[in-house]
Amino acid sequence: MDQVPNMDQVPNMDQVPNMDQVPNMDQVPNTDQVPNIDQAPNTDQRQNTEQTRGADQITQQQPVGELTNFTGVTPPEPTELNGTQVILRPIDPDTDAEGLYRVSHPPAGDPTIWTYLYDGPYPDLESFRRGLEGQRERRDQLFLTVTDRATGKPLGIVSYLSIVPEHGVIEIGNIWFSPELKRTRAATETIFLLARHAFDDLGYRRLEWKCNALNQPSRDAAIRFGFHFEGIFLNHRVVKGRNRDTAWFAITDERWPQVRAAFERWLAPENFDANGDQRSRLRDLTAAT
């Protein structure tokens, strides 16, 4: 009898789950309340937000350059640049070769102009003519003949090179002048015409001058023309089998108006006396820029 279940241990019907306590289907989450996938953060928006936040952190923690609205320029086209003393025009090997060869090779010419250049001297007129043809055909550089405005006589060669239109950077180089042109008002005007065309006509931001670091006359000329010395690139080139350390100089568009005014003041007729001697030195004028 001790094993007969005690009625007190029989489950009380009050403990049976009340149907009222069963979850009401109305309480099941409404599918309309489930986050809409369209409302999830857009990947592009998240990336833009992160980039903006990153940019803010960069400007707060690291120095950066000023914003600019510069969008690029075009390369220089073959064209004439006219001055009062000289005209710069695209090379024409058929008409220029003989005169240029004569003023740059013995017996009348000065062969030392070739010492620091990539090409020359040439063994004969025909090889020199072929060299001019090669320069005329180049698309990454623009070579111009310097001619006397009054006579049309060719007096030297200049060029635009290291042309980077997307950044607004251009160089003048491969310059050689005949003995007749060196250290004259016409020589200075030649450099002025190149600089003015690069800045005022084409809209470049930076004009470079580079030369062999051992070429002291070229370095002195760069300073006289208003270029600022920026340093020397060691082991920069191998030219004619020899190492070349390169001295870098530049004029930027911020300085150009002052440099241009210095050129114009120096080139003005009133800067020269009756004997043609200068009253103000260009080096002194550009030093103030």
C-alpha atoms as a PDB file:
ATOM      1  CA  MET A   1       0.000   0.000   0.000  1.00  0.00           C
ATOM      2  CA  ASP A   2       3.022   2.222   0.587  1.00  0.00           C
ATOM      3  CA  GLN A   3       3.613   2.091  -3.212  1.00  0.00           C
ATOM      4  CA  VAL A   4       0.168   3.320  -4.137  1.00  0.00           C
ATOM      5  CA  PRO A   5       0.568   6.906  -5.541  1.00  0.00           C
ATOM      6  CA  ASN A   6      -0.305   9.556  -3.092  1.00  0.00           C
ATOM      7  CA  MET A   7      -3.082  11.654  -4.521  1.00  0.00           C
ATOM      8  CA  ASP A   8      -1.148  14.740  -3.441  1.00  0.00           C
ATOM      9  CA  GLN A   9       1.488  13.874  -6.062  1.00  0.00           C
ATOM     10  CA  VAL A  10      -0.947  13.719  -8.939  1.00  0.00           C
ATOM     11  CA  PRO A  11      -0.492  16.783 -11.179  1.00  0.00           C
ATOM     12  CA  ASN A  12      -2.881  19.561 -10.425  1.00  0.00           C
ATOM     13  CA  MET A  13      -4.898  20.551 -13.435  1.00  0.00           C
ATOM     14  CA  ASP A  14      -4.230  24.162 -12.515  1.00  0.00           C
ATOM     15  CA  GLN A  15      -0.602  23.573 -13.491  1.00  0.00           C
ATOM     16  CA  VAL A  16      -1.449  22.513 -17.013  1.00  0.00           C
ATOM     17  CA  PRO A  17      -0.416  25.286 -19.393  1.00  0.00           C
ATOM     18  CA  ASN A  18      -3.169  27.792 -19.999  1.00  0.00           C
ATOM     19  CA  MET A  19      -3.936  28.220 -23.657  1.00  0.00           C
ATOM     20  CA  ASP A  20      -4.137  31.914 -23.024  1.00  0.00           C
ATOM     21  CA  GLN A  21      -0.379  31.831 -22.355  1.00  0.00           C
ATOM     22  CA  VAL A  22       0.437  30.317 -25.768  1.00  0.00           C
ATOM     23  CA  PRO A  23       1.985  32.994 -27.960  1.00  0.00           C
ATOM     24  CA  ASN A  24      -0.592  34.881 -29.990  1.00  0.00           C
ATOM     25  CA  MET A  25       0.178  34.851 -33.668  1.00  0.00           C
ATOM     26  CA  ASP A  26      -0.567  38.536 -33.637  1.00  0.00           C
ATOM     27  CA  GLN A  27       2.552  38.939 -31.526  1.00  0.00           C
ATOM     28  CA  VAL A  28       4.786  37.217 -34.068  1.00  0.00           C
ATOM     29  CA  PRO A  29       7.098  39.835 -35.640  1.00  0.00           C
ATOM     30  CA  ASN A  30       5.462  41.499 -38.624  1.00  0.00           C
ATOM     31  CA  THR A  31       7.442  40.968 -41.801  1.00  0.00           C
ATOM     32  CA  ASP A  32       6.845  44.620 -42.526  1.00  0.00           C
ATOM     33  CA  GLN A  33       8.931  45.394 -39.459  1.00  0.00           C
ATOM     34  CA  VAL A  34      11.893  43.350 -40.700  1.00  0.00           C
ATOM     35  CA  PRO A  35      14.601  45.735 -41.931  1.00  0.00           C
ATOM     36  CA  ASN A  36      14.222  46.406 -45.639  1.00  0.00           C
ATOM     37  CA  ILE A  37      17.392  45.495 -47.491  1.00  0.00           C
ATOM     38  CA  ASP A  38      17.023  48.765 -49.415  1.00  0.00           C
ATOM     39  CA  GLN A  39      17.407  50.596 -46.123  1.00  0.00           C
ATOM     40  CA  ALA A  40      20.715  48.891 -45.295  1.00  0.00           C
ATOM     41  CA  PRO A  41      23.743  51.194 -45.596  1.00  0.00           C
ATOM     42  CA  ASN A  42      24.860  51.546 -49.210  1.00  0.00           C
ATOM     43  CA  THR A  43      28.417  50.294 -49.798  1.00  0.00           C
ATOM     44  CA  ASP A  44      29.310  53.341 -51.898  1.00  0.00           C
ATOM     45  CA  GLN A  45      27.875  55.668 -49.254  1.00  0.00           C
ATOM     46  CA  ARG A  46      29.839  53.884 -46.563  1.00  0.00           C
ATOM     47  CA  GLN A  47      33.048  54.116 -48.612  1.00  0.00           C
ATOM     48  CA  ASN A  48      32.447  57.809 -49.319  1.00  0.00           C
ATOM     49  CA  THR A  49      31.878  58.423 -45.634  1.00  0.00           C
ATOM     50  CA  GLU A  50      35.041  56.533 -44.757  1.00  0.00           C
ATOM     51  CA  GLN A  51      37.019  58.402 -47.418  1.00  0.00           C
ATOM     52  CA  THR A  52      35.741  61.744 -46.178  1.00  0.00           C
ATOM     53  CA  ARG A  53      36.574  60.786 -42.629  1.00  0.00           C
ATOM     54  CA  GLY A  54      39.993  59.593 -43.786  1.00  0.00           C
ATOM     55  CA  ALA A  55      40.613  62.824 -45.694  1.00  0.00           C
ATOM     56  CA  ASP A  56      39.681  64.833 -42.618  1.00  0.00           C
ATOM     57  CA  GLN A  57      42.100  62.799 -40.545  1.00  0.00           C
ATOM     58  CA  ILE A  58      44.879  63.306 -43.116  1.00  0.00           C
ATOM     59  CA  THR A  59      44.430  67.075 -43.187  1.00  0.00           C
ATOM     60  CA  GLN A  60      44.332  67.147 -39.411  1.00  0.00           C
ATOM     61  CA  GLN A  61      47.316  64.857 -38.844  1.00  0.00           C
ATOM     62  CA  GLN A  62      49.506  65.274 -41.978  1.00  0.00           C
ATOM     63  CA  PRO A  63      50.386  68.359 -44.032  1.00  0.00           C
ATOM     64  CA  VAL A  64      49.026  68.339 -47.581  1.00  0.00           C
ATOM     65  CA  GLY A  65      49.279  70.671 -50.564  1.00  0.00           C
ATOM     66  CA  GLU A  66      46.791  73.371 -51.326  1.00  0.00           C
ATOM     67  CA  LEU A  67      43.804  72.472 -53.471  1.00  0.00           C
ATOM     68  CA  THR A  68      44.088  73.697 -57.047  1.00  0.00           C
ATOM     69  CA  ASN A  69      41.656  74.062 -59.928  1.00  0.00           C
ATOM     70  CA  PHE A  70      44.407  73.223 -62.447  1.00  0.00           C
ATOM     71  CA  THR A  71      43.120  70.649 -64.928  1.00  0.00           C
ATOM     72  CA  GLY A  72      45.993  70.385 -67.388  1.00  0.00           C
ATOM     73  CA  VAL A  73      47.288  72.177 -70.471  1.00  0.00           C
ATOM     74  CA  THR A  74      48.211  71.248 -74.035  1.00  0.00           C
ATOM     75  CA  PRO A  75      51.695  70.539 -75.410  1.00  0.00           C
ATOM     76  CA  PRO A  76      53.327  73.336 -77.393  1.00  0.00           C
ATOM     77  CA  GLU A  77      52.647  73.239 -81.106  1.00  0.00           C
ATOM     78  CA  PRO A  78      55.152  74.119 -83.838  1.00  0.00           C
ATOM     79  CA  THR A  79      54.700  77.865 -84.164  1.00  0.00           C
ATOM     80  CA  GLU A  80      56.614  81.106 -84.610  1.00  0.00           C
ATOM     81  CA  LEU A  81      57.506  83.222 -81.599  1.00  0.00           C
ATOM     82  CA  ASN A  82      58.222  86.785 -82.655  1.00  0.00           C
ATOM     83  CA  GLY A  83      60.431  89.277 -80.826  1.00  0.00           C
ATOM     84  CA  THR A  84      62.002  92.584 -81.746  1.00  0.00           C
ATOM     85  CA  GLN A  85      65.439  91.022 -82.280  1.00  0.00           C
ATOM     86  CA  VAL A  86      64.750  87.391 -83.151  1.00  0.00           C
ATOM     87  CA  ILE A  87      62.138  85.005 -84.505  1.00  0.00           C
ATOM     88  CA  LEU A  88      61.913  81.445 -83.174  1.00  0.00           C
ATOM     89  CA  ARG A  89      60.429  79.057 -85.702  1.00  0.00           C
ATOM     90  CA  PRO A  90      60.214  75.280 -86.182  1.00  0.00           C
ATOM     91  CA  ILE A  91      63.395  73.689 -87.527  1.00  0.00           C
ATOM     92  CA  ASP A  92      63.605  73.378 -91.303  1.00  0.00           C
ATOM     93  CA  PRO A  93      66.598  71.164 -92.139  1.00  0.00           C
ATOM     94  CA  ASP A  94      66.466  72.101 -95.804  1.00  0.00           C
ATOM     95  CA  THR A  95      66.956  75.806 -95.156  1.00  0.00           C
ATOM     96  CA  ASP A  96      68.679  75.792 -91.745  1.00  0.00           C
ATOM     97  CA  ALA A  97      71.261  73.009 -91.898  1.00  0.00           C
ATOM     98  CA  GLU A  98      74.025  74.775 -93.816  1.00  0.00           C
ATOM     99  CA  GLY A  99      73.876  78.024 -91.846  1.00  0.00           C
ATOM    100  CA  LEU A 100      73.613  76.301 -88.458  1.00  0.00           C
ATOM    101  CA  TYR A 101      76.440  73.916 -89.300  1.00  0.00           C
ATOM    102  CA  ARG A 102      78.668  76.799 -90.292  1.00  0.00           C
ATOM    103  CA  VAL A 103      78.186  78.687 -86.999  1.00  0.00           C
ATOM    104  CA  SER A 104      78.605  75.581 -84.827  1.00  0.00           C
ATOM    105  CA  HIS A 105      81.555  73.780 -86.424  1.00  0.00           C
ATOM    106  CA  PRO A 106      85.090  74.779 -87.479  1.00  0.00           C
ATOM    107  CA  PRO A 107      86.498  76.743 -89.043  1.00  0.00           C
ATOM    108  CA  ALA A 108      84.064  79.581 -88.330  1.00  0.00           C
ATOM    109  CA  GLY A 109      81.974  77.955 -85.601  1.00  0.00           C
ATOM    110  CA  ASP A 110      82.642  77.199 -81.951  1.00  0.00           C
ATOM    111  CA  PRO A 111      82.804  73.414 -81.342  1.00  0.00           C
ATOM    112  CA  THR A 112      82.795  73.861 -77.556  1.00  0.00           C
ATOM    113  CA  ILE A 113      79.024  74.462 -77.652  1.00  0.00           C
ATOM    114  CA  TRP A 114      78.637  70.668 -77.961  1.00  0.00           C
ATOM    115  CA  THR A 115      80.569  69.725 -74.840  1.00  0.00           C
ATOM    116  CA  TYR A 116      77.573  69.393 -72.522  1.00  0.00           C
ATOM    117  CA  LEU A 117      74.878  68.562 -75.102  1.00  0.00           C
ATOM    118  CA  TYR A 118      73.557  65.078 -75.855  1.00  0.00           C
ATOM    119  CA  ASP A 119      74.443  65.312 -79.538  1.00  0.00           C
ATOM    120  CA  GLY A 120      77.259  66.757 -81.656  1.00  0.00           C
ATOM    121  CA  PRO A 121      79.658  67.747 -82.898  1.00  0.00           C
ATOM    122  CA  TYR A 122      78.904  66.219 -86.277  1.00  0.00           C
ATOM    123  CA  PRO A 123      81.514  64.921 -88.720  1.00  0.00           C
ATOM    124  CA  ASP A 124      79.982  66.634 -91.742  1.00  0.00           C
ATOM    125  CA  LEU A 125      77.080  68.721 -92.997  1.00  0.00           C
ATOM    126  CA  GLU A 126      75.000  65.752 -94.143  1.00  0.00           C
ATOM    127  CA  SER A 127      75.086  64.015 -90.766  1.00  0.00           C
ATOM    128  CA  PHE A 128      74.177  67.330 -89.147  1.00  0.00           C
ATOM    129  CA  ARG A 129      71.216  67.672 -91.510  1.00  0.00           C
ATOM    130  CA  ARG A 130      70.019  64.184 -90.544  1.00  0.00           C
ATOM    131  CA  GLY A 131      70.324  65.188 -86.899  1.00  0.00           C
ATOM    132  CA  LEU A 132      68.049  68.180 -87.515  1.00  0.00           C
ATOM    133  CA  GLU A 133      65.563  65.943 -89.314  1.00  0.00           C
ATOM    134  CA  GLY A 134      65.449  63.648 -86.301  1.00  0.00           C
ATOM    135  CA  GLN A 135      64.832  66.591 -83.994  1.00  0.00           C
ATOM    136  CA  ARG A 136      62.045  67.883 -86.211  1.00  0.00           C
ATOM    137  CA  GLU A 137      60.286  64.503 -86.139  1.00  0.00           C
ATOM    138  CA  ARG A 138      60.271  64.141 -82.362  1.00  0.00           C
ATOM    139  CA  ARG A 139      56.866  64.364 -80.725  1.00  0.00           C
ATOM    140  CA  ASP A 140      58.030  64.523 -77.110  1.00  0.00           C
ATOM    141  CA  GLN A 141      60.134  67.639 -77.732  1.00  0.00           C
ATOM    142  CA  LEU A 142      59.783  70.753 -79.860  1.00  0.00           C
ATOM    143  CA  PHE A 143      62.924  72.168 -81.478  1.00  0.00           C
ATOM    144  CA  LEU A 144      63.049  75.719 -82.792  1.00  0.00           C
ATOM    145  CA  THR A 145      65.603  77.615 -84.853  1.00  0.00           C
ATOM    146  CA  VAL A 146      66.616  81.041 -83.569  1.00  0.00           C
ATOM    147  CA  THR A 147      66.821  83.442 -86.510  1.00  0.00           C
ATOM    148  CA  ASP A 148      67.834  87.074 -86.825  1.00  0.00           C
ATOM    149  CA  ARG A 149      64.642  89.053 -87.318  1.00  0.00           C
ATOM    150  CA  ALA A 150      66.210  91.464 -89.818  1.00  0.00           C
ATOM    151  CA  THR A 151      68.146  89.002 -91.972  1.00  0.00           C
ATOM    152  CA  GLY A 152      66.564  85.615 -91.336  1.00  0.00           C
ATOM    153  CA  LYS A 153      69.994  84.166 -90.607  1.00  0.00           C
ATOM    154  CA  PRO A 154      69.888  81.067 -88.362  1.00  0.00           C
ATOM    155  CA  LEU A 155      71.815  81.710 -85.145  1.00  0.00           C
ATOM    156  CA  GLY A 156      71.121  78.742 -82.887  1.00  0.00           C
ATOM    157  CA  ILE A 157      68.756  76.065 -81.581  1.00  0.00           C
ATOM    158  CA  VAL A 158      66.415  75.943 -78.569  1.00  0.00           C
ATOM    159  CA  SER A 159      63.778  73.434 -77.534  1.00  0.00           C
ATOM    160  CA  TYR A 160      60.941  72.588 -75.202  1.00  0.00           C
ATOM    161  CA  LEU A 161      61.389  69.195 -73.551  1.00  0.00           C
ATOM    162  CA  SER A 162      60.345  67.204 -70.469  1.00  0.00           C
ATOM    163  CA  ILE A 163      56.802  68.264 -71.356  1.00  0.00           C
ATOM    164  CA  VAL A 164      54.188  67.067 -68.836  1.00  0.00           C
ATOM    165  CA  PRO A 165      50.900  68.792 -69.769  1.00  0.00           C
ATOM    166  CA  GLU A 166      48.783  67.026 -67.135  1.00  0.00           C
ATOM    167  CA  HIS A 167      50.912  68.603 -64.402  1.00  0.00           C
ATOM    168  CA  GLY A 168      51.743  71.847 -66.191  1.00  0.00           C
ATOM    169  CA  VAL A 169      55.517  71.275 -66.239  1.00  0.00           C
ATOM    170  CA  ILE A 170      57.829  72.051 -69.148  1.00  0.00           C
ATOM    171  CA  GLU A 171      61.579  72.561 -69.630  1.00  0.00           C
ATOM    172  CA  ILE A 172      63.643  74.663 -71.996  1.00  0.00           C
ATOM    173  CA  GLY A 173      66.909  73.065 -72.979  1.00  0.00           C
ATOM    174  CA  ASN A 174      69.163  71.673 -75.722  1.00  0.00           C
ATOM    175  CA  ILE A 175      70.136  75.301 -76.193  1.00  0.00           C
ATOM    176  CA  TRP A 176      73.087  76.376 -78.220  1.00  0.00           C
ATOM    177  CA  PHE A 177      73.873  79.829 -79.568  1.00  0.00           C
ATOM    178  CA  SER A 178      76.332  80.865 -82.251  1.00  0.00           C
ATOM    179  CA  PRO A 179      79.199  83.178 -81.218  1.00  0.00           C
ATOM    180  CA  GLU A 180      77.279  85.986 -82.902  1.00  0.00           C
ATOM    181  CA  LEU A 181      74.236  85.405 -80.671  1.00  0.00           C
ATOM    182  CA  LYS A 182      75.912  84.704 -77.327  1.00  0.00           C
ATOM    183  CA  ARG A 183      75.747  87.389 -74.634  1.00  0.00           C
ATOM    184  CA  THR A 184      73.520  89.695 -76.689  1.00  0.00           C
ATOM    185  CA  ARG A 185      70.147  91.344 -76.194  1.00  0.00           C
ATOM    186  CA  ALA A 186      68.796  88.925 -78.816  1.00  0.00           C
ATOM    187  CA  ALA A 187      69.930  85.920 -76.754  1.00  0.00           C
ATOM    188  CA  THR A 188      68.090  87.194 -73.687  1.00  0.00           C
ATOM    189  CA  GLU A 189      65.008  87.911 -75.754  1.00  0.00           C
ATOM    190  CA  THR A 190      65.103  84.312 -76.997  1.00  0.00           C
ATOM    191  CA  ILE A 191      64.772  82.950 -73.455  1.00  0.00           C
ATOM    192  CA  PHE A 192      62.068  85.518 -72.659  1.00  0.00           C
ATOM    193  CA  LEU A 193      60.004  84.457 -75.687  1.00  0.00           C
ATOM    194  CA  LEU A 194      60.172  80.803 -74.629  1.00  0.00           C
ATOM    195  CA  ALA A 195      59.200  81.557 -71.024  1.00  0.00           C
ATOM    196  CA  ARG A 196      56.395  83.942 -71.965  1.00  0.00           C
ATOM    197  CA  HIS A 197      54.908  81.428 -74.404  1.00  0.00           C
ATOM    198  CA  ALA A 198      54.991  78.636 -71.794  1.00  0.00           C
ATOM    199  CA  PHE A 199      53.350  80.691 -69.045  1.00  0.00           C
ATOM    200  CA  ASP A 200      51.162  83.291 -70.758  1.00  0.00           C
ATOM    201  CA  ASP A 201      50.058  81.473 -73.917  1.00  0.00           C
ATOM    202  CA  LEU A 202      50.009  77.830 -72.815  1.00  0.00           C
ATOM    203  CA  GLY A 203      49.295  78.168 -69.094  1.00  0.00           C
ATOM    204  CA  TYR A 204      52.086  76.021 -67.655  1.00  0.00           C
ATOM    205  CA  ARG A 205      52.690  76.141 -63.891  1.00  0.00           C
ATOM    206  CA  ARG A 206      56.410  75.410 -63.859  1.00  0.00           C
ATOM    207  CA  LEU A 207      59.284  76.121 -66.251  1.00  0.00           C
ATOM    208  CA  GLU A 208      62.474  74.136 -65.699  1.00  0.00           C
ATOM    209  CA  TRP A 209      66.116  74.635 -66.633  1.00  0.00           C
ATOM    210  CA  LYS A 210      68.475  71.682 -66.198  1.00  0.00           C
ATOM    211  CA  CYS A 211      72.137  71.439 -67.058  1.00  0.00           C
ATOM    212  CA  ASN A 212      75.302  69.512 -66.334  1.00  0.00           C
ATOM    213  CA  ALA A 213      76.354  70.542 -62.838  1.00  0.00           C
ATOM    214  CA  LEU A 214      79.855  71.195 -64.215  1.00  0.00           C
ATOM    215  CA  ASN A 215      78.524  73.640 -66.808  1.00  0.00           C
ATOM    216  CA  GLN A 216      79.032  76.834 -64.830  1.00  0.00           C
ATOM    217  CA  PRO A 217      78.123  79.234 -67.678  1.00  0.00           C
ATOM    218  CA  SER A 218      74.717  77.526 -68.013  1.00  0.00           C
ATOM    219  CA  ARG A 219      74.163  77.655 -64.256  1.00  0.00           C
ATOM    220  CA  ASP A 220      75.033  81.349 -64.208  1.00  0.00           C
ATOM    221  CA  ALA A 221      72.671  81.987 -67.110  1.00  0.00           C
ATOM    222  CA  ALA A 222      69.808  80.240 -65.308  1.00  0.00           C
ATOM    223  CA  ILE A 223      70.215  82.515 -62.278  1.00  0.00           C
ATOM    224  CA  ARG A 224      70.441  85.587 -64.507  1.00  0.00           C
ATOM    225  CA  PHE A 225      67.210  84.613 -66.265  1.00  0.00           C
ATOM    226  CA  GLY A 226      65.360  84.361 -62.946  1.00  0.00           C
ATOM    227  CA  PHE A 227      65.407  80.615 -62.356  1.00  0.00           C
ATOM    228  CA  HIS A 228      65.803  79.497 -58.746  1.00  0.00           C
ATOM    229  CA  PHE A 229      68.353  76.803 -57.993  1.00  0.00           C
ATOM    230  CA  GLU A 230      66.692  73.679 -56.549  1.00  0.00           C
ATOM    231  CA  GLY A 231      69.543  71.230 -56.097  1.00  0.00           C
ATOM    232  CA  ILE A 232      71.672  68.621 -57.866  1.00  0.00           C
ATOM    233  CA  PHE A 233      70.602  65.137 -58.943  1.00  0.00           C
ATOM    234  CA  LEU A 234      73.666  62.912 -58.607  1.00  0.00           C
ATOM    235  CA  ASN A 235      74.351  60.256 -61.260  1.00  0.00           C
ATOM    236  CA  HIS A 236      71.353  61.559 -63.161  1.00  0.00           C
ATOM    237  CA  ARG A 237      72.463  60.783 -66.721  1.00  0.00           C
ATOM    238  CA  VAL A 238      75.211  59.186 -68.775  1.00  0.00           C
ATOM    239  CA  VAL A 239      76.078  61.519 -71.653  1.00  0.00           C
ATOM    240  CA  LYS A 240      78.660  60.610 -74.264  1.00  0.00           C
ATOM    241  CA  GLY A 241      79.997  57.909 -71.973  1.00  0.00           C
ATOM    242  CA  ARG A 242      80.456  60.207 -68.977  1.00  0.00           C
ATOM    243  CA  ASN A 243      78.502  60.584 -65.751  1.00  0.00           C
ATOM    244  CA  ARG A 244      76.348  63.687 -65.510  1.00  0.00           C
ATOM    245  CA  ASP A 245      75.171  65.211 -62.260  1.00  0.00           C
ATOM    246  CA  THR A 246      72.310  67.532 -63.135  1.00  0.00           C
ATOM    247  CA  ALA A 247      71.659  70.964 -61.626  1.00  0.00           C
ATOM    248  CA  TRP A 248      67.950  71.829 -61.461  1.00  0.00           C
ATOM    249  CA  PHE A 249      66.439  75.307 -61.693  1.00  0.00           C
ATOM    250  CA  ALA A 250      62.846  76.489 -62.078  1.00  0.00           C
ATOM    251  CA  ILE A 251      60.458  79.424 -62.366  1.00  0.00           C
ATOM    252  CA  THR A 252      56.906  78.847 -61.092  1.00  0.00           C
ATOM    253  CA  ASP A 253      53.762  80.594 -62.222  1.00  0.00           C
ATOM    254  CA  GLU A 254      53.515  82.443 -58.889  1.00  0.00           C
ATOM    255  CA  ARG A 255      56.859  84.145 -59.561  1.00  0.00           C
ATOM    256  CA  TRP A 256      56.463  84.562 -63.296  1.00  0.00           C
ATOM    257  CA  PRO A 257      54.750  88.007 -63.233  1.00  0.00           C
ATOM    258  CA  GLN A 258      57.719  89.463 -61.351  1.00  0.00           C
ATOM    259  CA  VAL A 259      60.266  87.683 -63.561  1.00  0.00           C
ATOM    260  CA  ARG A 260      58.409  88.809 -66.685  1.00  0.00           C
ATOM    261  CA  ALA A 261      58.483  92.419 -65.466  1.00  0.00           C
ATOM    262  CA  ALA A 262      62.241  92.111 -64.913  1.00  0.00           C
ATOM    263  CA  PHE A 263      62.751  90.835 -68.472  1.00  0.00           C
ATOM    264  CA  GLU A 264      60.581  93.581 -69.931  1.00  0.00           C
ATOM    265  CA  ARG A 265      62.375  96.273 -67.986  1.00  0.00           C
ATOM    266  CA  TRP A 266      65.767  94.962 -69.065  1.00  0.00           C
ATOM    267  CA  LEU A 267      64.781  94.563 -72.727  1.00  0.00           C
ATOM    268  CA  ALA A 268      63.227  98.044 -72.927  1.00  0.00           C
ATOM    269  CA  PRO A 269      65.156 100.429 -75.256  1.00  0.00           C
ATOM    270  CA  GLU A 270      65.610 102.941 -72.435  1.00  0.00           C
ATOM    271  CA  ASN A 271      67.701 100.397 -70.534  1.00  0.00           C
ATOM    272  CA  PHE A 272      70.489 100.831 -73.093  1.00  0.00           C
ATOM    273  CA  ASP A 273      72.608 103.863 -73.765  1.00  0.00           C
ATOM    274  CA  ALA A 274      73.730 105.191 -77.137  1.00  0.00           C
ATOM    275  CA  ASN A 275      76.545 102.628 -77.234  1.00  0.00           C
ATOM    276  CA  GLY A 276      74.197  99.761 -76.510  1.00  0.00           C
ATOM    277  CA  ASP A 277      75.487  99.234 -72.986  1.00  0.00           C
ATOM    278  CA  GLN A 278      72.965  98.185 -70.355  1.00  0.00           C
ATOM    279  CA  ARG A 279      72.000 100.537 -67.558  1.00  0.00           C
ATOM    280  CA  SER A 280      70.498  97.872 -65.294  1.00  0.00           C
ATOM    281  CA  ARG A 281      71.696  94.289 -65.104  1.00  0.00           C
ATOM    282  CA  LEU A 282      69.106  91.568 -65.632  1.00  0.00           C
ATOM    283  CA  ARG A 283      70.639  89.513 -62.819  1.00  0.00           C
ATOM    284  CA  ASP A 284      69.988  92.369 -60.398  1.00  0.00           C
ATOM    285  CA  LEU A 285      66.409  92.723 -61.587  1.00  0.00           C
ATOM    286  CA  THR A 286      65.543  89.028 -61.362  1.00  0.00           C
ATOM    287  CA  ALA A 287      67.285  88.664 -57.996  1.00  0.00           C
ATOM    288  CA  ALA A 288      64.506  90.768 -56.495  1.00  0.00           C
ATOM    289  CA  THR A 289      61.786  88.345 -57.664  1.00  0.00           C
END
